[in-house]
PDB file of N, CA and C in Angstrom:
ATOM      1  N   MET A   1     -66.525   6.834 -14.151  1.00  0.00           N
ATOM      2  CA  MET A   1     -66.222   8.253 -14.318  1.00  0.00           C
ATOM      3  C   MET A   1     -65.484   8.812 -13.095  1.00  0.00           C
ATOM      4  N   SER A   2     -65.847   8.353 -11.876  1.00  0.00           N
ATOM      5  CA  SER A   2     -65.159   8.879 -10.696  1.00  0.00           C
ATOM      6  C   SER A   2     -63.691   8.466 -10.686  1.00  0.00           C
ATOM      7  N   GLY A   3     -63.377   7.278 -11.230  1.00  0.00           N
ATOM      8  CA  GLY A   3     -61.981   6.862 -11.344  1.00  0.00           C
ATOM      9  C   GLY A   3     -61.204   7.785 -12.258  1.00  0.00           C
ATOM     10  N   ASP A   4     -61.819   8.168 -13.387  1.00  0.00           N
ATOM     11  CA  ASP A   4     -61.181   9.116 -14.304  1.00  0.00           C
ATOM     12  C   ASP A   4     -60.999  10.471 -13.634  1.00  0.00           C
ATOM     13  N   LEU A   5     -62.003  10.910 -12.898  1.00  0.00           N
ATOM     14  CA  LEU A   5     -61.910  12.202 -12.212  1.00  0.00           C
ATOM     15  C   LEU A   5     -60.782  12.179 -11.184  1.00  0.00           C
ATOM     16  N   ASP A   6     -60.671  11.095 -10.442  1.00  0.00           N
ATOM     17  CA  ASP A   6     -59.580  10.965  -9.466  1.00  0.00           C
ATOM     18  C   ASP A   6     -58.220  10.978 -10.159  1.00  0.00           C
ATOM     19  N   GLN A   7     -58.107  10.256 -11.261  1.00  0.00           N
ATOM     20  CA  GLN A   7     -56.834  10.211 -11.999  1.00  0.00           C
ATOM     21  C   GLN A   7     -56.469  11.597 -12.534  1.00  0.00           C
ATOM     22  N   LEU A   8     -57.439  12.277 -13.121  1.00  0.00           N
ATOM     23  CA  LEU A   8     -57.174  13.600 -13.700  1.00  0.00           C
ATOM     24  C   LEU A   8     -56.875  14.636 -12.620  1.00  0.00           C
ATOM     25  N   THR A   9     -57.528  14.509 -11.476  1.00  0.00           N
ATOM     26  CA  THR A   9     -57.232  15.414 -10.350  1.00  0.00           C
ATOM     27  C   THR A   9     -55.785  15.229  -9.908  1.00  0.00           C
ATOM     28  N   ALA A  10     -55.347  13.992  -9.777  1.00  0.00           N
ATOM     29  CA  ALA A  10     -53.961  13.707  -9.383  1.00  0.00           C
ATOM     30  C   ALA A  10     -52.975  14.170 -10.458  1.00  0.00           C
ATOM     31  N   LEU A  11     -53.302  13.920 -11.726  1.00  0.00           N
ATOM     32  CA  LEU A  11     -52.426  14.349 -12.818  1.00  0.00           C
ATOM     33  C   LEU A  11     -52.317  15.869 -12.872  1.00  0.00           C
ATOM     34  N   ASN A  12     -53.415  16.557 -12.610  1.00  0.00           N
ATOM     35  CA  ASN A  12     -53.387  18.016 -12.591  1.00  0.00           C
ATOM     36  C   ASN A  12     -52.459  18.518 -11.498  1.00  0.00           C
ATOM     37  N   ARG A  13     -52.544  17.915 -10.323  1.00  0.00           N
ATOM     38  CA  ARG A  13     -51.645  18.300  -9.219  1.00  0.00           C
ATOM     39  C   ARG A  13     -50.185  18.016  -9.591  1.00  0.00           C
ATOM     40  N   ASP A  14     -49.951  16.857 -10.211  1.00  0.00           N
ATOM     41  CA  ASP A  14     -48.591  16.501 -10.654  1.00  0.00           C
ATOM     42  C   ASP A  14     -48.066  17.520 -11.663  1.00  0.00           C
ATOM     43  N   TYR A  15     -48.918  17.920 -12.594  1.00  0.00           N
ATOM     44  CA  TYR A  15     -48.524  18.867 -13.643  1.00  0.00           C
ATOM     45  C   TYR A  15     -48.064  20.180 -13.000  1.00  0.00           C
ATOM     46  N   VAL A  16     -48.880  20.725 -12.086  1.00  0.00           N
ATOM     47  CA  VAL A  16     -48.538  21.996 -11.429  1.00  0.00           C
ATOM     48  C   VAL A  16     -47.271  21.841 -10.595  1.00  0.00           C
ATOM     49  N   ALA A  17     -47.157  20.751  -9.846  1.00  0.00           N
ATOM     50  CA  ALA A  17     -45.951  20.514  -9.046  1.00  0.00           C
ATOM     51  C   ALA A  17     -44.724  20.373  -9.941  1.00  0.00           C
ATOM     52  N   SER A  18     -44.900  19.771 -11.102  1.00  0.00           N
ATOM     53  CA  SER A  18     -43.783  19.591 -12.035  1.00  0.00           C
ATOM     54  C   SER A  18     -43.302  20.916 -12.596  1.00  0.00           C
ATOM     55  N   VAL A  19     -44.221  21.856 -12.795  1.00  0.00           N
ATOM     56  CA  VAL A  19     -43.818  23.207 -13.220  1.00  0.00           C
ATOM     57  C   VAL A  19     -42.970  23.833 -12.119  1.00  0.00           C
ATOM     58  N   GLN A  20     -43.480  23.812 -10.880  1.00  0.00           N
ATOM     59  CA  GLN A  20     -42.778  24.443  -9.768  1.00  0.00           C
ATOM     60  C   GLN A  20     -41.410  23.809  -9.521  1.00  0.00           C
ATOM     61  N   ASN A  21     -41.330  22.496  -9.683  1.00  0.00           N
ATOM     62  CA  ASN A  21     -40.104  21.759  -9.342  1.00  0.00           C
ATOM     63  C   ASN A  21     -39.215  21.419 -10.532  1.00  0.00           C
ATOM     64  N   CYS A  22     -39.548  21.938 -11.714  1.00  0.00           N
ATOM     65  CA  CYS A  22     -38.761  21.678 -12.927  1.00  0.00           C
ATOM     66  C   CYS A  22     -38.580  20.174 -13.149  1.00  0.00           C
ATOM     67  N   ASP A  23     -39.654  19.434 -12.967  1.00  0.00           N
ATOM     68  CA  ASP A  23     -39.605  17.978 -13.008  1.00  0.00           C
ATOM     69  C   ASP A  23     -39.787  17.451 -14.438  1.00  0.00           C
ATOM     70  N   VAL A  24     -38.723  17.493 -15.192  1.00  0.00           N
ATOM     71  CA  VAL A  24     -38.739  17.050 -16.584  1.00  0.00           C
ATOM     72  C   VAL A  24     -39.102  15.566 -16.666  1.00  0.00           C
ATOM     73  N   ARG A  25     -38.612  14.772 -15.740  1.00  0.00           N
ATOM     74  CA  ARG A  25     -38.897  13.337 -15.743  1.00  0.00           C
ATOM     75  C   ARG A  25     -40.394  13.069 -15.661  1.00  0.00           C
ATOM     76  N   ARG A  26     -41.083  13.764 -14.756  1.00  0.00           N
ATOM     77  CA  ARG A  26     -42.533  13.540 -14.621  1.00  0.00           C
ATOM     78  C   ARG A  26     -43.272  14.026 -15.859  1.00  0.00           C
ATOM     79  N   PHE A  27     -42.874  15.169 -16.384  1.00  0.00           N
ATOM     80  CA  PHE A  27     -43.506  15.637 -17.615  1.00  0.00           C
ATOM     81  C   PHE A  27     -43.306  14.640 -18.756  1.00  0.00           C
ATOM     82  N   ASP A  28     -42.135  14.055 -18.819  1.00  0.00           N
ATOM     83  CA  ASP A  28     -41.866  13.073 -19.868  1.00  0.00           C
ATOM     84  C   ASP A  28     -42.844  11.902 -19.782  1.00  0.00           C
ATOM     85  N   GLU A  29     -43.305  11.585 -18.581  1.00  0.00           N
ATOM     86  CA  GLU A  29     -44.259  10.489 -18.374  1.00  0.00           C
ATOM     87  C   GLU A  29     -45.695  10.867 -18.727  1.00  0.00           C
ATOM     88  N   ILE A  30     -46.066  12.136 -18.549  1.00  0.00           N
ATOM     89  CA  ILE A  30     -47.481  12.506 -18.670  1.00  0.00           C
ATOM     90  C   ILE A  30     -47.823  13.334 -19.901  1.00  0.00           C
ATOM     91  N   LEU A  31     -46.847  13.671 -20.730  1.00  0.00           N
ATOM     92  CA  LEU A  31     -47.125  14.428 -21.954  1.00  0.00           C
ATOM     93  C   LEU A  31     -47.215  13.488 -23.149  1.00  0.00           C
ATOM     94  N   ALA A  32     -48.251  13.673 -23.958  1.00  0.00           N
ATOM     95  CA  ALA A  32     -48.396  12.899 -25.193  1.00  0.00           C
ATOM     96  C   ALA A  32     -47.315  13.321 -26.187  1.00  0.00           C
ATOM     97  N   ALA A  33     -47.028  12.455 -27.124  1.00  0.00           N
ATOM     98  CA  ALA A  33     -46.025  12.758 -28.159  1.00  0.00           C
ATOM     99  C   ALA A  33     -46.391  14.014 -28.943  1.00  0.00           C
ATOM    100  N   GLU A  34     -47.686  14.246 -29.136  1.00  0.00           N
ATOM    101  CA  GLU A  34     -48.151  15.388 -29.930  1.00  0.00           C
ATOM    102  C   GLU A  34     -48.457  16.629 -29.088  1.00  0.00           C
ATOM    103  N   PHE A  35     -47.967  16.695 -27.844  1.00  0.00           N
ATOM    104  CA  PHE A  35     -48.222  17.813 -26.928  1.00  0.00           C
ATOM    105  C   PHE A  35     -47.709  19.140 -27.484  1.00  0.00           C
ATOM    106  N   TYR A  36     -48.512  20.185 -27.272  1.00  0.00           N
ATOM    107  CA  TYR A  36     -48.125  21.574 -27.556  1.00  0.00           C
ATOM    108  C   TYR A  36     -48.558  22.446 -26.391  1.00  0.00           C
ATOM    109  N   CYS A  37     -47.815  23.533 -26.157  1.00  0.00           N
ATOM    110  CA  CYS A  37     -48.149  24.475 -25.097  1.00  0.00           C
ATOM    111  C   CYS A  37     -48.085  25.899 -25.619  1.00  0.00           C
ATOM    112  N   SER A  38     -49.136  26.669 -25.327  1.00  0.00           N
ATOM    113  CA  SER A  38     -49.129  28.119 -25.556  1.00  0.00           C
ATOM    114  C   SER A  38     -48.644  28.755 -24.261  1.00  0.00           C
ATOM    115  N   ASN A  39     -47.477  29.369 -24.320  1.00  0.00           N
ATOM    116  CA  ASN A  39     -46.858  29.981 -23.152  1.00  0.00           C
ATOM    117  C   ASN A  39     -47.429  31.368 -22.873  1.00  0.00           C
ATOM    118  N   PRO A  40     -47.223  31.875 -21.648  1.00  0.00           N
ATOM    119  CA  PRO A  40     -47.691  33.223 -21.323  1.00  0.00           C
ATOM    120  C   PRO A  40     -47.106  34.311 -22.227  1.00  0.00           C
ATOM    121  N   ASP A  41     -45.909  34.075 -22.790  1.00  0.00           N
ATOM    122  CA  ASP A  41     -45.296  35.073 -23.682  1.00  0.00           C
ATOM    123  C   ASP A  41     -45.809  34.960 -25.119  1.00  0.00           C
ATOM    124  N   LYS A  42     -46.850  34.135 -25.309  1.00  0.00           N
ATOM    125  CA  LYS A  42     -47.527  33.934 -26.590  1.00  0.00           C
ATOM    126  C   LYS A  42     -46.771  33.042 -27.572  1.00  0.00           C
ATOM    127  N   THR A  43     -45.697  32.390 -27.113  1.00  0.00           N
ATOM    128  CA  THR A  43     -45.022  31.422 -27.976  1.00  0.00           C
ATOM    129  C   THR A  43     -45.755  30.086 -27.898  1.00  0.00           C
ATOM    130  N   LEU A  44     -45.669  29.328 -28.976  1.00  0.00           N
ATOM    131  CA  LEU A  44     -46.227  27.985 -29.037  1.00  0.00           C
ATOM    132  C   LEU A  44     -45.052  27.023 -29.137  1.00  0.00           C
ATOM    133  N   VAL A  45     -44.971  26.078 -28.177  1.00  0.00           N
ATOM    134  CA  VAL A  45     -43.848  25.150 -28.168  1.00  0.00           C
ATOM    135  C   VAL A  45     -44.358  23.715 -28.235  1.00  0.00           C
ATOM    136  N   ASP A  46     -43.575  22.877 -28.910  1.00  0.00           N
ATOM    137  CA  ASP A  46     -43.915  21.456 -28.975  1.00  0.00           C
ATOM    138  C   ASP A  46     -43.370  20.755 -27.723  1.00  0.00           C
ATOM    139  N   ARG A  47     -43.561  19.460 -27.674  1.00  0.00           N
ATOM    140  CA  ARG A  47     -43.181  18.676 -26.505  1.00  0.00           C
ATOM    141  C   ARG A  47     -41.694  18.828 -26.170  1.00  0.00           C
ATOM    142  N   ALA A  48     -40.836  18.689 -27.174  1.00  0.00           N
ATOM    143  CA  ALA A  48     -39.388  18.769 -26.941  1.00  0.00           C
ATOM    144  C   ALA A  48     -38.983  20.134 -26.384  1.00  0.00           C
ATOM    145  N   ALA A  49     -39.524  21.198 -26.959  1.00  0.00           N
ATOM    146  CA  ALA A  49     -39.205  22.547 -26.480  1.00  0.00           C
ATOM    147  C   ALA A  49     -39.772  22.787 -25.087  1.00  0.00           C
ATOM    148  N   PHE A  50     -40.950  22.232 -24.808  1.00  0.00           N
ATOM    149  CA  PHE A  50     -41.545  22.364 -23.480  1.00  0.00           C
ATOM    150  C   PHE A  50     -40.672  21.672 -22.430  1.00  0.00           C
ATOM    151  N   LEU A  51     -40.197  20.471 -22.732  1.00  0.00           N
ATOM    152  CA  LEU A  51     -39.325  19.766 -21.792  1.00  0.00           C
ATOM    153  C   LEU A  51     -38.031  20.547 -21.567  1.00  0.00           C
ATOM    154  N   LYS A  52     -37.512  21.135 -22.624  1.00  0.00           N
ATOM    155  CA  LYS A  52     -36.281  21.929 -22.508  1.00  0.00           C
ATOM    156  C   LYS A  52     -36.521  23.158 -21.625  1.00  0.00           C
ATOM    157  N   GLN A  53     -37.652  23.847 -21.840  1.00  0.00           N
ATOM    158  CA  GLN A  53     -37.912  25.041 -21.026  1.00  0.00           C
ATOM    159  C   GLN A  53     -38.235  24.659 -19.580  1.00  0.00           C
ATOM    160  N   THR A  54     -38.796  23.482 -19.370  1.00  0.00           N
ATOM    161  CA  THR A  54     -39.108  23.017 -18.015  1.00  0.00           C
ATOM    162  C   THR A  54     -37.837  22.768 -17.210  1.00  0.00           C
ATOM    163  N   ALA A  55     -36.756  22.400 -17.857  1.00  0.00           N
ATOM    164  CA  ALA A  55     -35.502  22.116 -17.173  1.00  0.00           C
ATOM    165  C   ALA A  55     -34.848  23.375 -16.593  1.00  0.00           C
ATOM    166  N   VAL A  56     -35.239  24.539 -17.093  1.00  0.00           N
ATOM    167  CA  VAL A  56     -34.677  25.802 -16.610  1.00  0.00           C
ATOM    168  C   VAL A  56     -35.358  26.159 -15.281  1.00  0.00           C
ATOM    169  N   PRO A  57     -34.580  26.417 -14.236  1.00  0.00           N
ATOM    170  CA  PRO A  57     -35.180  26.747 -12.936  1.00  0.00           C
ATOM    171  C   PRO A  57     -36.153  27.937 -13.044  1.00  0.00           C
ATOM    172  N   VAL A  58     -37.320  27.779 -12.408  1.00  0.00           N
ATOM    173  CA  VAL A  58     -38.321  28.842 -12.435  1.00  0.00           C
ATOM    174  C   VAL A  58     -37.995  29.892 -11.390  1.00  0.00           C
ATOM    175  N   THR A  59     -38.453  31.100 -11.629  1.00  0.00           N
ATOM    176  CA  THR A  59     -38.209  32.196 -10.693  1.00  0.00           C
ATOM    177  C   THR A  59     -39.398  32.416  -9.764  1.00  0.00           C
ATOM    178  N   ILE A  60     -40.495  31.704 -10.001  1.00  0.00           N
ATOM    179  CA  ILE A  60     -41.653  31.832  -9.124  1.00  0.00           C
ATOM    180  C   ILE A  60     -41.587  30.776  -8.017  1.00  0.00           C
ATOM    181  N   ARG A  61     -42.337  31.003  -6.954  1.00  0.00           N
ATOM    182  CA  ARG A  61     -42.428  30.020  -5.880  1.00  0.00           C
ATOM    183  C   ARG A  61     -43.869  29.996  -5.353  1.00  0.00           C
ATOM    184  N   ASN A  62     -44.152  28.990  -4.552  1.00  0.00           N
ATOM    185  CA  ASN A  62     -45.488  28.833  -3.961  1.00  0.00           C
ATOM    186  C   ASN A  62     -46.593  28.702  -5.009  1.00  0.00           C
ATOM    187  N   LEU A  63     -46.293  28.051  -6.128  1.00  0.00           N
ATOM    188  CA  LEU A  63     -47.297  27.870  -7.183  1.00  0.00           C
ATOM    189  C   LEU A  63     -48.386  26.926  -6.686  1.00  0.00           C
ATOM    190  N   ARG A  64     -49.623  27.394  -6.737  1.00  0.00           N
ATOM    191  CA  ARG A  64     -50.772  26.605  -6.301  1.00  0.00           C
ATOM    192  C   ARG A  64     -51.903  26.752  -7.306  1.00  0.00           C
ATOM    193  N   GLU A  65     -52.653  25.670  -7.490  1.00  0.00           N
ATOM    194  CA  GLU A  65     -53.827  25.726  -8.354  1.00  0.00           C
ATOM    195  C   GLU A  65     -55.077  25.829  -7.482  1.00  0.00           C
ATOM    196  N   TYR A  66     -56.109  26.478  -8.008  1.00  0.00           N
ATOM    197  CA  TYR A  66     -57.396  26.549  -7.313  1.00  0.00           C
ATOM    198  C   TYR A  66     -58.482  26.776  -8.367  1.00  0.00           C
ATOM    199  N   ASP A  67     -59.712  26.742  -7.929  1.00  0.00           N
ATOM    200  CA  ASP A  67     -60.849  26.910  -8.846  1.00  0.00           C
ATOM    201  C   ASP A  67     -60.731  25.943 -10.032  1.00  0.00           C
ATOM    202  N   VAL A  68     -60.397  24.691  -9.709  1.00  0.00           N
ATOM    203  CA  VAL A  68     -60.168  23.672 -10.737  1.00  0.00           C
ATOM    204  C   VAL A  68     -61.504  23.102 -11.216  1.00  0.00           C
ATOM    205  N   LYS A  69     -61.686  23.103 -12.526  1.00  0.00           N
ATOM    206  CA  LYS A  69     -62.870  22.515 -13.147  1.00  0.00           C
ATOM    207  C   LYS A  69     -62.404  21.467 -14.150  1.00  0.00           C
ATOM    208  N   ILE A  70     -62.817  20.233 -13.944  1.00  0.00           N
ATOM    209  CA  ILE A  70     -62.431  19.132 -14.825  1.00  0.00           C
ATOM    210  C   ILE A  70     -63.677  18.653 -15.553  1.00  0.00           C
ATOM    211  N   ARG A  71     -63.609  18.687 -16.884  1.00  0.00           N
ATOM    212  CA  ARG A  71     -64.708  18.209 -17.712  1.00  0.00           C
ATOM    213  C   ARG A  71     -64.227  16.995 -18.491  1.00  0.00           C
ATOM    214  N   ILE A  72     -64.919  15.875 -18.307  1.00  0.00           N
ATOM    215  CA  ILE A  72     -64.559  14.635 -18.996  1.00  0.00           C
ATOM    216  C   ILE A  72     -65.568  14.404 -20.109  1.00  0.00           C
ATOM    217  N   LEU A  73     -65.062  14.258 -21.321  1.00  0.00           N
ATOM    218  CA  LEU A  73     -65.882  14.060 -22.505  1.00  0.00           C
ATOM    219  C   LEU A  73     -65.429  12.771 -23.179  1.00  0.00           C
ATOM    220  N   GLY A  74     -65.802  11.650 -22.600  1.00  0.00           N
ATOM    221  CA  GLY A  74     -65.360  10.365 -23.127  1.00  0.00           C
ATOM    222  C   GLY A  74     -63.881  10.152 -22.864  1.00  0.00           C
ATOM    223  N   ASP A  75     -63.114   9.995 -23.943  1.00  0.00           N
ATOM    224  CA  ASP A  75     -61.666   9.793 -23.834  1.00  0.00           C
ATOM    225  C   ASP A  75     -60.887  11.100 -23.941  1.00  0.00           C
ATOM    226  N   PHE A  76     -61.564  12.210 -23.693  1.00  0.00           N
ATOM    227  CA  PHE A  76     -60.957  13.538 -23.758  1.00  0.00           C
ATOM    228  C   PHE A  76     -61.389  14.313 -22.522  1.00  0.00           C
ATOM    229  N   ALA A  77     -60.489  15.099 -21.954  1.00  0.00           N
ATOM    230  CA  ALA A  77     -60.819  15.896 -20.776  1.00  0.00           C
ATOM    231  C   ALA A  77     -60.178  17.277 -20.889  1.00  0.00           C
ATOM    232  N   ILE A  78     -60.881  18.253 -20.332  1.00  0.00           N
ATOM    233  CA  ILE A  78     -60.390  19.627 -20.301  1.00  0.00           C
ATOM    234  C   ILE A  78     -60.337  20.070 -18.848  1.00  0.00           C
ATOM    235  N   ILE A  79     -59.197  20.603 -18.457  1.00  0.00           N
ATOM    236  CA  ILE A  79     -59.039  21.115 -17.094  1.00  0.00           C
ATOM    237  C   ILE A  79     -58.809  22.620 -17.172  1.00  0.00           C
ATOM    238  N   HIS A  80     -59.696  23.365 -16.516  1.00  0.00           N
ATOM    239  CA  HIS A  80     -59.562  24.822 -16.384  1.00  0.00           C
ATOM    240  C   HIS A  80     -59.212  25.099 -14.929  1.00  0.00           C
ATOM    241  N   ALA A  81     -58.282  26.003 -14.686  1.00  0.00           N
ATOM    242  CA  ALA A  81     -57.940  26.331 -13.299  1.00  0.00           C
ATOM    243  C   ALA A  81     -57.271  27.694 -13.220  1.00  0.00           C
ATOM    244  N   ALA A  82     -57.243  28.206 -12.007  1.00  0.00           N
ATOM    245  CA  ALA A  82     -56.526  29.444 -11.708  1.00  0.00           C
ATOM    246  C   ALA A  82     -55.291  29.076 -10.888  1.00  0.00           C
ATOM    247  N   THR A  83     -54.310  29.958 -10.907  1.00  0.00           N
ATOM    248  CA  THR A  83     -53.096  29.747 -10.120  1.00  0.00           C
ATOM    249  C   THR A  83     -52.788  30.984  -9.288  1.00  0.00           C
ATOM    250  N   SER A  84     -52.103  30.753  -8.194  1.00  0.00           N
ATOM    251  CA  SER A  84     -51.503  31.833  -7.422  1.00  0.00           C
ATOM    252  C   SER A  84     -50.036  31.460  -7.222  1.00  0.00           C
ATOM    253  N   TYR A  85     -49.192  32.474  -7.160  1.00  0.00           N
ATOM    254  CA  TYR A  85     -47.759  32.235  -6.996  1.00  0.00           C
ATOM    255  C   TYR A  85     -47.086  33.521  -6.542  1.00  0.00           C
ATOM    256  N   THR A  86     -45.855  33.388  -6.109  1.00  0.00           N
ATOM    257  CA  THR A  86     -45.053  34.527  -5.688  1.00  0.00           C
ATOM    258  C   THR A  86     -43.946  34.733  -6.713  1.00  0.00           C
ATOM    259  N   THR A  87     -43.799  35.957  -7.200  1.00  0.00           N
ATOM    260  CA  THR A  87     -42.759  36.256  -8.185  1.00  0.00           C
ATOM    261  C   THR A  87     -41.405  36.390  -7.482  1.00  0.00           C
ATOM    262  N   ALA A  88     -40.355  36.497  -8.280  1.00  0.00           N
ATOM    263  CA  ALA A  88     -38.994  36.587  -7.736  1.00  0.00           C
ATOM    264  C   ALA A  88     -38.827  37.787  -6.801  1.00  0.00           C
ATOM    265  N   ASP A  89     -39.567  38.880  -7.066  1.00  0.00           N
ATOM    266  CA  ASP A  89     -39.441  40.065  -6.215  1.00  0.00           C
ATOM    267  C   ASP A  89     -40.405  40.048  -5.020  1.00  0.00           C
ATOM    268  N   GLY A  90     -41.112  38.914  -4.828  1.00  0.00           N
ATOM    269  CA  GLY A  90     -41.990  38.781  -3.673  1.00  0.00           C
ATOM    270  C   GLY A  90     -43.426  39.202  -3.889  1.00  0.00           C
ATOM    271  N   THR A  91     -43.761  39.603  -5.095  1.00  0.00           N
ATOM    272  CA  THR A  91     -45.125  40.027  -5.408  1.00  0.00           C
ATOM    273  C   THR A  91     -46.032  38.810  -5.559  1.00  0.00           C
ATOM    274  N   GLN A  92     -47.225  38.906  -5.011  1.00  0.00           N
ATOM    275  CA  GLN A  92     -48.234  37.873  -5.216  1.00  0.00           C
ATOM    276  C   GLN A  92     -48.867  38.079  -6.589  1.00  0.00           C
ATOM    277  N   ALA A  93     -49.046  36.995  -7.327  1.00  0.00           N
ATOM    278  CA  ALA A  93     -49.605  37.095  -8.674  1.00  0.00           C
ATOM    279  C   ALA A  93     -50.556  35.927  -8.918  1.00  0.00           C
ATOM    280  N   ASN A  94     -51.338  36.056  -9.982  1.00  0.00           N
ATOM    281  CA  ASN A  94     -52.319  35.032 -10.345  1.00  0.00           C
ATOM    282  C   ASN A  94     -52.256  34.770 -11.834  1.00  0.00           C
ATOM    283  N   GLY A  95     -52.731  33.608 -12.233  1.00  0.00           N
ATOM    284  CA  GLY A  95     -52.805  33.254 -13.644  1.00  0.00           C
ATOM    285  C   GLY A  95     -53.936  32.266 -13.869  1.00  0.00           C
ATOM    286  N   ARG A  96     -54.046  31.790 -15.084  1.00  0.00           N
ATOM    287  CA  ARG A  96     -55.028  30.764 -15.437  1.00  0.00           C
ATOM    288  C   ARG A  96     -54.382  29.806 -16.414  1.00  0.00           C
ATOM    289  N   TYR A  97     -54.925  28.598 -16.465  1.00  0.00           N
ATOM    290  CA  TYR A  97     -54.468  27.649 -17.476  1.00  0.00           C
ATOM    291  C   TYR A  97     -55.624  26.757 -17.899  1.00  0.00           C
ATOM    292  N   THR A  98     -55.478  26.228 -19.092  1.00  0.00           N
ATOM    293  CA  THR A  98     -56.382  25.214 -19.610  1.00  0.00           C
ATOM    294  C   THR A  98     -55.511  24.111 -20.179  1.00  0.00           C
ATOM    295  N   ASP A  99     -55.705  22.907 -19.663  1.00  0.00           N
ATOM    296  CA  ASP A  99     -54.967  21.744 -20.149  1.00  0.00           C
ATOM    297  C   ASP A  99     -55.956  20.756 -20.750  1.00  0.00           C
ATOM    298  N   CYS A 100     -55.583  20.161 -21.851  1.00  0.00           N
ATOM    299  CA  CYS A 100     -56.404  19.140 -22.498  1.00  0.00           C
ATOM    300  C   CYS A 100     -55.694  17.800 -22.394  1.00  0.00           C
ATOM    301  N   TRP A 101     -56.469  16.790 -22.042  1.00  0.00           N
ATOM    302  CA  TRP A 101     -55.948  15.442 -21.825  1.00  0.00           C
ATOM    303  C   TRP A 101     -56.702  14.461 -22.707  1.00  0.00           C
ATOM    304  N   ALA A 102     -56.009  13.457 -23.200  1.00  0.00           N
ATOM    305  CA  ALA A 102     -56.637  12.407 -24.006  1.00  0.00           C
ATOM    306  C   ALA A 102     -56.228  11.052 -23.435  1.00  0.00           C
ATOM    307  N   ARG A 103     -57.184  10.138 -23.415  1.00  0.00           N
ATOM    308  CA  ARG A 103     -56.861   8.782 -22.980  1.00  0.00           C
ATOM    309  C   ARG A 103     -56.283   8.057 -24.191  1.00  0.00           C
ATOM    310  N   GLN A 104     -55.029   7.626 -24.054  1.00  0.00           N
ATOM    311  CA  GLN A 104     -54.341   6.917 -25.128  1.00  0.00           C
ATOM    312  C   GLN A 104     -53.826   5.598 -24.572  1.00  0.00           C
ATOM    313  N   ASN A 105     -54.257   4.509 -25.180  1.00  0.00           N
ATOM    314  CA  ASN A 105     -53.881   3.172 -24.701  1.00  0.00           C
ATOM    315  C   ASN A 105     -54.187   2.996 -23.215  1.00  0.00           C
ATOM    316  N   GLY A 106     -55.349   3.505 -22.789  1.00  0.00           N
ATOM    317  CA  GLY A 106     -55.803   3.353 -21.414  1.00  0.00           C
ATOM    318  C   GLY A 106     -55.178   4.299 -20.411  1.00  0.00           C
ATOM    319  N   LYS A 107     -54.362   5.249 -20.863  1.00  0.00           N
ATOM    320  CA  LYS A 107     -53.644   6.150 -19.966  1.00  0.00           C
ATOM    321  C   LYS A 107     -53.944   7.599 -20.342  1.00  0.00           C
ATOM    322  N   TRP A 108     -54.243   8.433 -19.347  1.00  0.00           N
ATOM    323  CA  TRP A 108     -54.465   9.857 -19.603  1.00  0.00           C
ATOM    324  C   TRP A 108     -53.126  10.558 -19.845  1.00  0.00           C
ATOM    325  N   LEU A 109     -53.027  11.293 -20.964  1.00  0.00           N
ATOM    326  CA  LEU A 109     -51.827  12.064 -21.301  1.00  0.00           C
ATOM    327  C   LEU A 109     -52.224  13.487 -21.690  1.00  0.00           C
ATOM    328  N   ALA A 110     -51.405  14.447 -21.293  1.00  0.00           N
ATOM    329  CA  ALA A 110     -51.658  15.833 -21.681  1.00  0.00           C
ATOM    330  C   ALA A 110     -51.319  16.023 -23.157  1.00  0.00           C
ATOM    331  N   VAL A 111     -52.247  16.594 -23.901  1.00  0.00           N
ATOM    332  CA  VAL A 111     -52.027  16.836 -25.323  1.00  0.00           C
ATOM    333  C   VAL A 111     -51.878  18.316 -25.657  1.00  0.00           C
ATOM    334  N   SER A 112     -52.356  19.179 -24.736  1.00  0.00           N
ATOM    335  CA  SER A 112     -52.306  20.604 -25.007  1.00  0.00           C
ATOM    336  C   SER A 112     -52.381  21.380 -23.699  1.00  0.00           C
ATOM    337  N   ALA A 113     -51.710  22.529 -23.688  1.00  0.00           N
ATOM    338  CA  ALA A 113     -51.774  23.425 -22.523  1.00  0.00           C
ATOM    339  C   ALA A 113     -51.782  24.866 -23.010  1.00  0.00           C
ATOM    340  N   HIS A 114     -52.496  25.702 -22.285  1.00  0.00           N
ATOM    341  CA  HIS A 114     -52.515  27.145 -22.559  1.00  0.00           C
ATOM    342  C   HIS A 114     -52.394  27.848 -21.222  1.00  0.00           C
ATOM    343  N   VAL A 115     -51.367  28.691 -21.077  1.00  0.00           N
ATOM    344  CA  VAL A 115     -51.076  29.337 -19.806  1.00  0.00           C
ATOM    345  C   VAL A 115     -51.126  30.851 -19.979  1.00  0.00           C
ATOM    346  N   SER A 116     -51.815  31.544 -19.043  1.00  0.00           N
ATOM    347  CA  SER A 116     -51.816  33.007 -19.060  1.00  0.00           C
ATOM    348  C   SER A 116     -51.475  33.520 -17.660  1.00  0.00           C
ATOM    349  N   ARG A 117     -50.783  34.634 -17.662  1.00  0.00           N
ATOM    350  CA  ARG A 117     -50.416  35.268 -16.377  1.00  0.00           C
ATOM    351  C   ARG A 117     -50.749  36.741 -16.454  1.00  0.00           C
TER     352      ARG A 117
END
């Protein structure tokens, strides 16, 4: 279980860094084929649309995760966390996210994300 926790902790950090850095390549590696994301604007996007929106440069900076809670339920895991970031106009802001991960063929992949700001 500690190995899974270490892997999911690293994947969570990669996920947040990939948002900040528009890292489509890394997302392509860690998103399951059936991935969906609920965006802060209340849209629901599939994997292809998520990768497309990830390629667009973000206007926020200093994105950091904190208050991370990882729950492992066999081959399924749920990550709850809060975020802090700076908006384009310099305002400090916060958000929350919940990501769901499934072990597929021995590898943890993100299957779902929900982001609120």
